[in-house]
Amino acid sequence: MVAFAGPCRGFVGMIKTALASIFLSQEPHKTTQPLCTTTDRAQNVGAADRFVLRGFCLHIPRTSLMKKTVIMALALLGLLVAAGCTEEQSSEQAGELQPDVGMPDSGTPDAQTQDTTLEPDAGEPDVPEPPEDVPEPPQDTEPDLPPDEPDVPEPPEDTGMEEDSMDEPDTGGPMGDGCGVDPGANDRVWTVQHDGRQREFKVHLPPNYDPQARTPVVINYHGRALNADAQINLSRMLEVSDAQGFIAVHPEGTGSLDRGWNAGLCCGDALRDEVDDVGFTRVMLDALESGLCVDSARVYATGISNGGFMSHKLACELSDRITAIAPVAGTIVTFECEPSRPVPVFQFHGDDDRIVPYDGFAGIASVEVTTEGWLERNGCADTSEVFFDVDDVICEAWSDCSPGGEVRLCTVRGGGHTWPGGESLGLFGDLTETISASEMMWDFFSQHAIPAE
């Protein structure tokens, strides 16, 4: 470490003060506790400013031009002297700091100045004083913490939570049952390991969540190239969660620029890398049921676009865990679909959707084909009933089905690739405010549960 010793420290102080006066147009610091000698204090200095620079008592005339001239001369002199006054000094030197006696005040020392009667050992270099402009840490600051870091306890290990999560779930419920476990904060990011990847999902608890009461869950999958936060804003699902009292879960897909879900024929990095998103959903549900009081017979899936594709795939391949689905602007793109039981389905789709066309394209099924497929799987009759027809929205239901196999469809006339009643996706077409898909799907979800075996 390079340090200034003896008189060099005085010149360094003058350099700082002079430059501050010249370039910031401010007066050098006027001490309230003069370090000048008795003789200097006895003099009449009313016609001059007295500046104290590291023990020097300077009398500089008030004339602005003369003052700046003197200060500039001192600064230049300080630079010249400082250039030859540096010395190497070990950062681990033992012993107490020695007083700066390289340039004591002339005359009798003032009672408020440091004691200059101590003499350093001959041949030993002066040890620099700590910089005066560094404030001492508060008295209540822990000595083993940096002064600029808050005293935050380290999170427990192996919690399955992201490091910056506010709270972490206690997964210690008996046999994976999270009832009775303290849930922590209402909004957290959870992580699980699956297929060598760390997967994340955001969990929102309603204000009236009771850790002793089994609570339904809605899993809301984002669209291609979006993320969980975008889906939260887009669907406004948290508002419905708070009003209706269900747990809202927003998982993150995989991929960098082309983030999404492997839903069969789509999409992006997840499809290319053959990511098992059905397996991830199963592991995610295991974690939720271990850390929260979840009603495992009432777990529902929804999503937009690629997220809608994903909800169809879950109904096909995870019908033992997913109770019902409500895809938005997403049809079926799986190769095979053989659920173990009838799965209730409620679709929302705009007939002017240019991203996932209502009539289908390039291997993506149309709304009609998707609906017919679910009617067949759920053992429904072909006859439907219109239960809502207002302005730009018409909704119909097929209720003559195998037990628990109801199918519904809301078509938005002129609607684009959007979430009805949610936030607009910008250039993806018209958004209807006639209905709220989030509210309508919850009303549908709440009527269905996986039958007890």
Protein backbone atom coordinates (compact mmCIF):
# COMPACT_ATOMS: atom_id res chain seq x y z
CA MET A 1 0.00 0.00 0.00
CA VAL A 2 1.31 3.47 -0.87
CA ALA A 3 0.96 5.98 1.97
CA PHE A 4 2.04 9.57 2.62
CA ALA A 5 4.15 10.13 5.72
CA GLY A 6 5.13 13.12 7.83
CA PRO A 7 4.93 16.49 6.02
CA CYS A 8 3.56 14.85 2.89
CA ARG A 9 0.22 14.32 4.61
CA GLY A 10 -0.01 18.03 5.25
CA PHE A 11 0.54 18.82 1.59
CA VAL A 12 -2.00 16.24 0.51
CA GLY A 13 -4.56 17.91 2.75
CA MET A 14 -3.71 21.28 1.20
CA ILE A 15 -4.14 19.85 -2.29
CA LYS A 16 -7.66 18.63 -1.49
CA THR A 17 -8.68 21.90 0.10
CA ALA A 18 -7.16 24.08 -2.61
CA LEU A 19 -8.76 22.15 -5.43
CA ALA A 20 -12.13 22.20 -3.67
CA SER A 21 -11.89 25.97 -3.32
CA ILE A 22 -10.84 26.57 -6.94
CA PHE A 23 -13.03 24.15 -8.87
CA LEU A 24 -16.11 24.00 -6.68
CA SER A 25 -16.08 27.73 -5.86
CA GLN A 26 -16.37 26.93 -2.18
CA GLU A 27 -14.41 28.31 0.74
CA PRO A 28 -11.90 25.94 2.34
CA HIS A 29 -13.03 24.51 5.64
CA LYS A 30 -12.87 26.99 8.48
CA THR A 31 -12.16 25.13 11.66
CA THR A 32 -14.28 25.83 14.70
CA GLN A 33 -11.43 24.54 16.85
CA PRO A 34 -8.33 26.48 15.70
CA LEU A 35 -5.05 24.57 15.64
CA CYS A 36 -2.98 27.74 15.27
CA THR A 37 -0.36 28.75 17.79
CA THR A 38 -1.01 31.10 20.67
CA THR A 39 0.88 33.80 18.83
CA ASP A 40 -1.25 33.37 15.74
CA ARG A 41 -4.48 33.41 17.73
CA ALA A 42 -3.40 36.60 19.46
CA GLN A 43 -2.94 38.37 16.16
CA ASN A 44 -5.68 40.45 14.65
CA VAL A 45 -6.80 38.38 11.69
CA GLY A 46 -10.01 40.19 11.00
CA ALA A 47 -8.82 41.21 7.55
CA ALA A 48 -7.94 37.71 6.51
CA ASP A 49 -9.39 34.21 6.51
CA ARG A 50 -7.52 31.72 8.66
CA PHE A 51 -7.45 28.18 7.32
CA VAL A 52 -6.10 25.22 9.19
CA LEU A 53 -4.64 22.48 7.00
CA ARG A 54 -3.38 19.50 8.96
CA GLY A 55 -1.78 21.60 11.68
CA PHE A 56 -0.73 24.57 9.52
CA CYS A 57 -2.12 27.98 10.34
CA LEU A 58 -2.42 29.96 7.11
CA HIS A 59 -3.47 33.59 6.78
CA ILE A 60 -4.80 34.19 3.28
CA PRO A 61 -6.06 37.64 2.26
CA ARG A 62 -9.74 37.86 1.43
CA THR A 63 -9.09 39.24 -2.02
CA SER A 64 -10.54 36.58 -4.36
CA LEU A 65 -7.80 36.77 -7.01
CA MET A 66 -4.99 36.78 -4.48
CA LYS A 67 -6.63 33.95 -2.53
CA LYS A 68 -6.91 31.73 -5.58
CA THR A 69 -3.34 32.57 -6.56
CA VAL A 70 -2.04 31.53 -3.17
CA ILE A 71 -4.16 28.38 -3.14
CA MET A 72 -2.99 27.41 -6.62
CA ALA A 73 0.62 27.90 -5.60
CA LEU A 74 0.12 25.73 -2.57
CA ALA A 75 -1.57 23.04 -4.66
CA LEU A 76 1.28 22.98 -7.19
CA LEU A 77 3.85 22.90 -4.40
CA GLY A 78 1.96 20.06 -2.75
CA LEU A 79 1.92 18.06 -5.98
CA LEU A 80 5.67 18.47 -6.43
CA VAL A 81 6.46 17.44 -2.88
CA ALA A 82 3.91 14.60 -2.87
CA ALA A 83 5.48 13.12 -6.00
CA GLY A 84 8.61 12.34 -4.04
CA CYS A 85 7.08 11.55 -0.69
CA THR A 86 5.35 8.24 -1.24
CA GLU A 87 6.59 5.14 0.46
CA GLU A 88 5.62 1.45 0.53
CA GLN A 89 4.21 0.29 3.80
CA SER A 90 2.99 -3.16 4.83
CA SER A 91 -0.81 -3.51 5.27
CA GLU A 92 -0.31 -5.90 8.15
CA GLN A 93 2.13 -3.78 10.21
CA ALA A 94 1.66 -4.53 13.92
CA GLY A 95 1.41 -1.99 16.71
CA GLU A 96 -0.57 1.15 17.37
CA LEU A 97 -0.73 4.08 14.95
CA GLN A 98 2.00 6.66 15.56
CA PRO A 99 1.08 10.34 15.79
CA ASP A 100 1.85 12.56 12.84
CA VAL A 101 4.93 14.49 14.09
CA GLY A 102 6.53 15.07 10.74
CA MET A 103 5.41 18.71 10.64
CA PRO A 104 4.29 19.99 14.06
CA ASP A 105 2.82 23.43 14.58
CA SER A 106 5.30 26.16 15.34
CA GLY A 107 5.16 27.67 18.77
CA THR A 108 3.31 26.38 21.81
CA PRO A 109 0.93 23.53 20.95
CA ASP A 110 -2.76 24.19 21.52
CA ALA A 111 -4.55 22.18 24.16
CA GLN A 112 -6.98 20.83 21.51
CA THR A 113 -4.27 19.57 19.15
CA GLN A 114 -2.88 16.06 19.22
CA ASP A 115 -0.05 15.39 21.66
CA THR A 116 3.18 15.96 19.76
CA THR A 117 5.48 15.16 22.67
CA LEU A 118 5.58 11.47 21.72
CA GLU A 119 8.65 10.60 19.74
CA PRO A 120 8.63 7.68 17.30
CA ASP A 121 11.43 5.16 17.43
CA ALA A 122 14.36 6.20 15.28
CA GLY A 123 14.44 4.60 11.86
CA GLU A 124 10.82 3.48 11.87
CA PRO A 125 8.57 4.94 9.16
CA ASP A 126 5.54 6.95 10.13
CA VAL A 127 2.29 5.04 10.01
CA PRO A 128 -0.48 6.96 8.21
CA GLU A 129 -3.51 7.99 10.16
CA PRO A 130 -6.88 6.68 8.99
CA PRO A 131 -8.52 9.03 6.45
CA GLU A 132 -10.48 11.74 8.17
CA ASP A 133 -13.32 11.63 5.64
CA VAL A 134 -14.29 8.01 6.45
CA PRO A 135 -17.06 8.01 9.10
CA GLU A 136 -16.90 5.61 11.98
CA PRO A 137 -19.48 2.82 11.86
CA PRO A 138 -22.48 3.18 14.15
CA GLN A 139 -22.02 1.78 17.62
CA ASP A 140 -24.75 -0.82 17.07
CA THR A 141 -23.15 -2.21 13.91
CA GLU A 142 -21.98 -5.76 14.29
CA PRO A 143 -18.17 -5.84 14.26
CA ASP A 144 -18.05 -8.85 11.95
CA LEU A 145 -20.27 -7.34 9.25
CA PRO A 146 -19.33 -4.73 6.65
CA PRO A 147 -20.93 -1.41 7.59
CA ASP A 148 -22.83 -1.23 4.26
CA GLU A 149 -24.48 -4.69 4.53
CA PRO A 150 -27.70 -5.31 6.46
CA ASP A 151 -27.68 -7.85 9.23
CA VAL A 152 -29.63 -10.56 7.38
CA PRO A 153 -29.56 -14.13 8.64
CA GLU A 154 -28.45 -16.75 6.17
CA PRO A 155 -31.31 -18.89 4.78
CA PRO A 156 -31.53 -22.50 5.91
CA GLU A 157 -29.97 -25.03 3.59
CA ASP A 158 -31.85 -27.50 1.38
CA THR A 159 -35.16 -25.64 1.48
CA GLY A 160 -35.92 -25.84 -2.22
CA MET A 161 -36.29 -22.08 -2.32
CA GLU A 162 -34.53 -19.42 -4.34
CA GLU A 163 -31.84 -17.59 -2.34
CA ASP A 164 -33.57 -14.22 -2.55
CA SER A 165 -36.96 -15.63 -1.50
CA MET A 166 -38.52 -13.76 1.40
CA ASP A 167 -39.52 -16.96 3.16
CA GLU A 168 -38.92 -20.62 2.59
CA PRO A 169 -41.44 -23.41 2.96
CA ASP A 170 -41.17 -25.94 5.72
CA THR A 171 -41.58 -29.23 3.88
CA GLY A 172 -41.69 -31.22 7.08
CA GLY A 173 -45.38 -32.18 6.98
CA PRO A 174 -46.10 -35.87 7.65
CA MET A 175 -46.14 -38.03 4.49
CA GLY A 176 -45.90 -34.97 2.23
CA ASP A 177 -48.93 -33.32 3.86
CA GLY A 178 -48.24 -29.60 4.30
CA CYS A 179 -51.29 -28.93 6.45
CA GLY A 180 -50.25 -27.26 9.68
CA VAL A 181 -46.96 -26.01 8.24
CA ASP A 182 -46.16 -22.31 8.59
CA PRO A 183 -46.41 -21.00 4.99
CA GLY A 184 -44.24 -17.92 5.50
CA ALA A 185 -44.87 -14.92 3.24
CA ASN A 186 -47.78 -14.85 0.81
CA ASP A 187 -45.56 -14.39 -2.25
CA ARG A 188 -42.46 -16.52 -2.74
CA VAL A 189 -40.33 -18.11 -5.43
CA TRP A 190 -39.87 -21.85 -5.03
CA THR A 191 -37.34 -24.03 -6.80
CA VAL A 192 -37.17 -27.76 -7.43
CA GLN A 193 -34.67 -29.99 -9.19
CA HIS A 194 -35.91 -32.01 -12.16
CA ASP A 195 -33.98 -33.78 -14.91
CA GLY A 196 -30.77 -32.00 -13.94
CA ARG A 197 -32.38 -28.55 -14.11
CA GLN A 198 -33.32 -26.13 -11.39
CA ARG A 199 -36.91 -25.12 -12.08
CA GLU A 200 -38.69 -22.12 -10.59
CA PHE A 201 -42.32 -21.27 -9.88
CA LYS A 202 -43.96 -18.36 -8.11
CA VAL A 203 -46.49 -19.11 -5.39
CA HIS A 204 -49.16 -16.67 -4.24
CA LEU A 205 -51.30 -17.34 -1.18
CA PRO A 206 -54.61 -15.51 -0.74
CA PRO A 207 -54.95 -13.29 2.34
CA ASN A 208 -57.36 -15.74 3.97
CA TYR A 209 -55.10 -18.78 3.49
CA ASP A 210 -55.49 -21.15 6.45
CA PRO A 211 -52.65 -23.65 6.94
CA GLN A 212 -55.16 -26.01 8.55
CA ALA A 213 -57.69 -25.92 5.68
CA ARG A 214 -57.15 -27.68 2.34
CA THR A 215 -56.98 -25.08 -0.42
CA PRO A 216 -57.39 -25.47 -4.20
CA VAL A 217 -54.59 -24.58 -6.63
CA VAL A 218 -54.60 -22.92 -10.07
CA ILE A 219 -51.42 -23.36 -12.14
CA ASN A 220 -51.11 -20.63 -14.80
CA TYR A 221 -48.59 -21.27 -17.63
CA HIS A 222 -47.13 -18.34 -19.56
CA GLY A 223 -46.95 -18.11 -23.36
CA ARG A 224 -43.96 -18.61 -25.62
CA ALA A 225 -41.14 -16.09 -25.08
CA LEU A 226 -42.91 -14.72 -21.99
CA ASN A 227 -42.38 -15.50 -18.30
CA ALA A 228 -44.22 -15.92 -15.03
CA ASP A 229 -44.33 -12.20 -14.24
CA ALA A 230 -45.78 -11.42 -17.66
CA GLN A 231 -48.47 -14.05 -17.13
CA ILE A 232 -49.34 -12.68 -13.71
CA ASN A 233 -49.94 -9.24 -15.22
CA LEU A 234 -51.56 -10.53 -18.38
CA SER A 235 -54.18 -12.72 -16.69
CA ARG A 236 -54.79 -10.70 -13.51
CA MET A 237 -55.06 -14.06 -11.81
CA LEU A 238 -53.83 -12.83 -8.42
CA GLU A 239 -56.88 -10.59 -8.08
CA VAL A 240 -59.17 -13.59 -8.51
CA SER A 241 -56.99 -15.65 -6.16
CA ASP A 242 -57.38 -13.06 -3.42
CA ALA A 243 -61.13 -12.75 -3.98
CA GLN A 244 -61.86 -16.48 -4.22
CA GLY A 245 -59.24 -17.92 -1.86
CA PHE A 246 -57.21 -20.29 -4.05
CA ILE A 247 -53.44 -20.66 -4.35
CA ALA A 248 -52.09 -19.20 -7.62
CA VAL A 249 -48.94 -20.78 -9.06
CA HIS A 250 -47.01 -19.33 -12.01
CA PRO A 251 -44.18 -21.60 -13.21
CA GLU A 252 -41.25 -20.58 -15.41
CA GLY A 253 -40.59 -22.35 -18.71
CA THR A 254 -37.14 -23.25 -20.01
CA GLY A 255 -34.99 -21.59 -22.64
CA SER A 256 -33.26 -18.25 -22.95
CA LEU A 257 -34.70 -16.08 -25.73
CA ASP A 258 -37.30 -18.68 -26.78
CA ARG A 259 -38.64 -19.67 -23.37
CA GLY A 260 -41.62 -21.96 -23.28
CA TRP A 261 -43.07 -25.42 -22.73
CA ASN A 262 -42.73 -28.76 -24.48
CA ALA A 263 -46.42 -29.30 -25.22
CA GLY A 264 -46.01 -31.83 -28.04
CA LEU A 265 -45.52 -30.03 -31.35
CA CYS A 266 -44.55 -26.74 -29.73
CA CYS A 267 -42.57 -24.80 -28.60
CA GLY A 268 -39.06 -23.33 -28.78
CA ASP A 269 -36.08 -24.46 -26.73
CA ALA A 270 -38.20 -26.72 -24.56
CA LEU A 271 -39.33 -28.72 -27.59
CA ARG A 272 -35.83 -28.83 -29.10
CA ASP A 273 -34.29 -29.98 -25.81
CA GLU A 274 -37.10 -32.49 -25.19
CA VAL A 275 -37.82 -31.01 -21.76
CA ASP A 276 -40.21 -33.10 -19.68
CA ASP A 277 -42.58 -30.37 -18.50
CA VAL A 278 -45.21 -32.88 -17.45
CA GLY A 279 -42.66 -34.46 -15.12
CA PHE A 280 -41.70 -31.02 -13.84
CA THR A 281 -45.35 -30.27 -13.07
CA ARG A 282 -45.63 -33.50 -11.10
CA VAL A 283 -42.53 -32.62 -9.03
CA MET A 284 -43.84 -29.08 -8.53
CA LEU A 285 -47.12 -30.44 -7.18
CA ASP A 286 -45.24 -32.77 -4.84
CA ALA A 287 -43.39 -29.75 -3.41
CA LEU A 288 -46.58 -27.72 -3.05
CA GLU A 289 -48.39 -30.53 -1.27
CA SER A 290 -45.45 -30.94 1.12
CA GLY A 291 -45.18 -27.26 2.02
CA LEU A 292 -48.80 -26.08 1.88
CA CYS A 293 -52.24 -27.37 2.83
CA VAL A 294 -53.29 -28.26 -0.72
CA ASP A 295 -56.55 -29.88 -1.76
CA SER A 296 -55.06 -32.44 -4.16
CA ALA A 297 -58.51 -33.19 -5.62
CA ARG A 298 -58.85 -29.57 -6.81
CA VAL A 299 -55.75 -28.67 -8.82
CA TYR A 300 -56.42 -26.82 -12.08
CA ALA A 301 -54.33 -25.73 -15.07
CA THR A 302 -54.61 -22.83 -17.47
CA GLY A 303 -52.35 -20.75 -19.69
CA ILE A 304 -52.20 -18.71 -22.86
CA SER A 305 -50.89 -19.78 -26.27
CA ASN A 306 -47.98 -22.20 -25.60
CA GLY A 307 -49.22 -22.24 -21.99
CA GLY A 308 -52.65 -23.21 -23.28
CA PHE A 309 -51.06 -26.03 -25.31
CA MET A 310 -49.38 -27.15 -22.09
CA SER A 311 -52.65 -27.31 -20.16
CA HIS A 312 -54.09 -29.62 -22.83
CA LYS A 313 -51.02 -31.87 -22.53
CA LEU A 314 -51.42 -32.04 -18.76
CA ALA A 315 -55.05 -33.08 -19.11
CA CYS A 316 -53.92 -35.84 -21.46
CA GLU A 317 -50.95 -37.12 -19.46
CA LEU A 318 -51.45 -36.01 -15.84
CA SER A 319 -55.16 -36.47 -15.30
CA ASP A 320 -54.47 -38.18 -11.97
CA ARG A 321 -53.23 -34.83 -10.61
CA ILE A 322 -54.91 -32.17 -12.80
CA THR A 323 -58.63 -31.81 -12.12
CA ALA A 324 -59.70 -29.53 -14.98
CA ILE A 325 -58.18 -27.17 -17.56
CA ALA A 326 -59.07 -23.81 -19.13
CA PRO A 327 -56.75 -23.00 -22.07
CA VAL A 328 -56.77 -19.47 -23.48
CA ALA A 329 -55.80 -18.99 -27.16
CA GLY A 330 -54.29 -22.46 -27.19
CA THR A 331 -55.50 -25.64 -28.86
CA ILE A 332 -54.23 -29.21 -28.57
CA VAL A 333 -50.83 -30.08 -30.11
CA THR A 334 -50.08 -33.43 -28.47
CA PHE A 335 -49.53 -36.59 -30.53
CA GLU A 336 -51.65 -38.79 -28.28
CA CYS A 337 -54.20 -37.99 -25.63
CA GLU A 338 -55.53 -40.76 -23.42
CA PRO A 339 -56.51 -39.39 -20.01
CA SER A 340 -57.34 -41.88 -17.29
CA ARG A 341 -60.72 -40.23 -16.64
CA PRO A 342 -62.96 -37.53 -18.15
CA VAL A 343 -61.31 -34.14 -17.71
CA PRO A 344 -63.48 -30.98 -17.65
CA VAL A 345 -62.33 -28.47 -20.30
CA PHE A 346 -63.20 -24.77 -20.75
CA GLN A 347 -61.63 -23.06 -23.78
CA PHE A 348 -61.40 -19.32 -24.59
CA HIS A 349 -60.44 -18.29 -28.13
CA GLY A 350 -60.76 -15.28 -30.42
CA ASP A 351 -61.94 -16.01 -33.94
CA ASP A 352 -59.51 -13.41 -35.32
CA ASP A 353 -56.46 -14.87 -33.56
CA ARG A 354 -53.52 -14.54 -36.00
CA ILE A 355 -51.02 -16.38 -33.81
CA VAL A 356 -52.99 -19.55 -33.04
CA PRO A 357 -55.72 -19.31 -35.69
CA TYR A 358 -59.23 -20.35 -34.72
CA ASP A 359 -59.29 -22.67 -37.74
CA GLY A 360 -55.86 -24.13 -37.04
CA PHE A 361 -52.73 -24.36 -39.21
CA ALA A 362 -49.51 -26.38 -39.74
CA GLY A 363 -50.24 -29.25 -37.39
CA ILE A 364 -51.90 -27.10 -34.73
CA ALA A 365 -55.49 -28.26 -34.34
CA SER A 366 -58.37 -25.89 -34.86
CA VAL A 367 -60.74 -24.94 -32.06
CA GLU A 368 -63.39 -27.15 -33.63
CA VAL A 369 -61.12 -30.21 -33.85
CA THR A 370 -59.86 -29.63 -30.31
CA THR A 371 -63.40 -29.37 -28.95
CA GLU A 372 -64.57 -32.48 -30.82
CA GLY A 373 -61.63 -34.43 -29.43
CA TRP A 374 -62.56 -33.57 -25.85
CA LEU A 375 -66.24 -34.34 -26.49
CA GLU A 376 -65.24 -37.81 -27.61
CA ARG A 377 -62.83 -38.44 -24.73
CA ASN A 378 -65.34 -37.23 -22.15
CA GLY A 379 -68.27 -39.16 -23.63
CA CYS A 380 -70.33 -36.07 -24.46
CA ALA A 381 -73.30 -35.78 -26.78
CA ASP A 382 -72.93 -33.43 -29.77
CA THR A 383 -75.65 -31.07 -28.59
CA SER A 384 -74.52 -27.84 -26.93
CA GLU A 385 -76.30 -25.06 -25.11
CA VAL A 386 -75.48 -21.36 -25.33
CA PHE A 387 -75.21 -20.03 -21.77
CA PHE A 388 -73.73 -16.58 -22.52
CA ASP A 389 -74.20 -14.30 -25.53
CA VAL A 390 -73.35 -10.66 -24.85
CA ASP A 391 -71.81 -8.16 -27.28
CA ASP A 392 -68.67 -9.77 -28.77
CA VAL A 393 -68.67 -13.00 -26.72
CA ILE A 394 -70.68 -16.18 -27.13
CA CYS A 395 -70.21 -19.18 -24.81
CA GLU A 396 -71.65 -22.69 -25.16
CA ALA A 397 -71.53 -25.80 -23.01
CA TRP A 398 -71.71 -29.55 -23.64
CA SER A 399 -73.07 -30.97 -20.41
CA ASP A 400 -74.45 -34.37 -21.49
CA CYS A 401 -71.16 -36.14 -20.79
CA SER A 402 -69.68 -38.85 -18.64
CA PRO A 403 -69.67 -37.79 -14.96
CA GLY A 404 -67.33 -34.82 -14.50
CA GLY A 405 -66.64 -34.48 -18.24
CA GLU A 406 -68.29 -31.14 -19.10
CA VAL A 407 -66.83 -29.17 -22.04
CA ARG A 408 -67.26 -25.41 -22.59
CA LEU A 409 -66.12 -22.90 -25.19
CA CYS A 410 -66.21 -19.09 -25.21
CA THR A 411 -65.59 -17.54 -28.62
CA VAL A 412 -64.66 -13.85 -28.82
CA ARG A 413 -66.01 -12.40 -32.06
CA GLY A 414 -63.19 -10.42 -33.63
CA GLY A 415 -60.94 -11.28 -30.69
CA GLY A 416 -57.19 -11.62 -31.14
CA HIS A 417 -54.45 -13.54 -29.39
CA THR A 418 -55.40 -12.12 -26.02
CA TRP A 419 -56.63 -12.99 -22.52
CA PRO A 420 -60.29 -11.84 -22.19
CA GLY A 421 -60.58 -9.25 -19.44
CA GLY A 422 -56.82 -9.19 -18.92
CA GLU A 423 -53.94 -7.03 -20.15
CA SER A 424 -53.41 -6.53 -23.85
CA LEU A 425 -50.51 -8.20 -25.67
CA GLY A 426 -50.14 -5.13 -27.87
CA LEU A 427 -50.09 -6.01 -31.55
CA PHE A 428 -51.73 -9.42 -31.14
CA GLY A 429 -55.30 -8.32 -31.83
CA ASP A 430 -58.37 -6.96 -30.09
CA LEU A 431 -58.97 -7.56 -26.39
CA THR A 432 -62.48 -7.96 -25.06
CA GLU A 433 -63.60 -6.53 -21.74
CA THR A 434 -67.00 -8.19 -21.96
CA ILE A 435 -65.85 -11.12 -19.83
CA SER A 436 -62.99 -11.98 -17.52
CA ALA A 437 -61.53 -15.34 -18.50
CA SER A 438 -59.89 -15.63 -15.07
CA GLU A 439 -63.18 -15.14 -13.23
CA MET A 440 -65.22 -17.36 -15.55
CA MET A 441 -62.72 -20.22 -15.45
CA TRP A 442 -62.60 -20.13 -11.66
CA ASP A 443 -66.38 -20.40 -11.53
CA PHE A 444 -66.02 -23.48 -13.78
CA PHE A 445 -63.11 -24.94 -11.79
CA SER A 446 -64.91 -24.59 -8.49
CA GLN A 447 -67.61 -26.97 -9.70
CA HIS A 448 -65.21 -29.86 -10.33
CA ALA A 449 -63.03 -32.16 -8.22
CA ILE A 450 -61.29 -35.44 -8.90
CA PRO A 451 -63.69 -38.16 -7.74
CA ALA A 452 -62.60 -40.11 -4.69
CA GLU A 453 -61.58 -43.68 -5.48
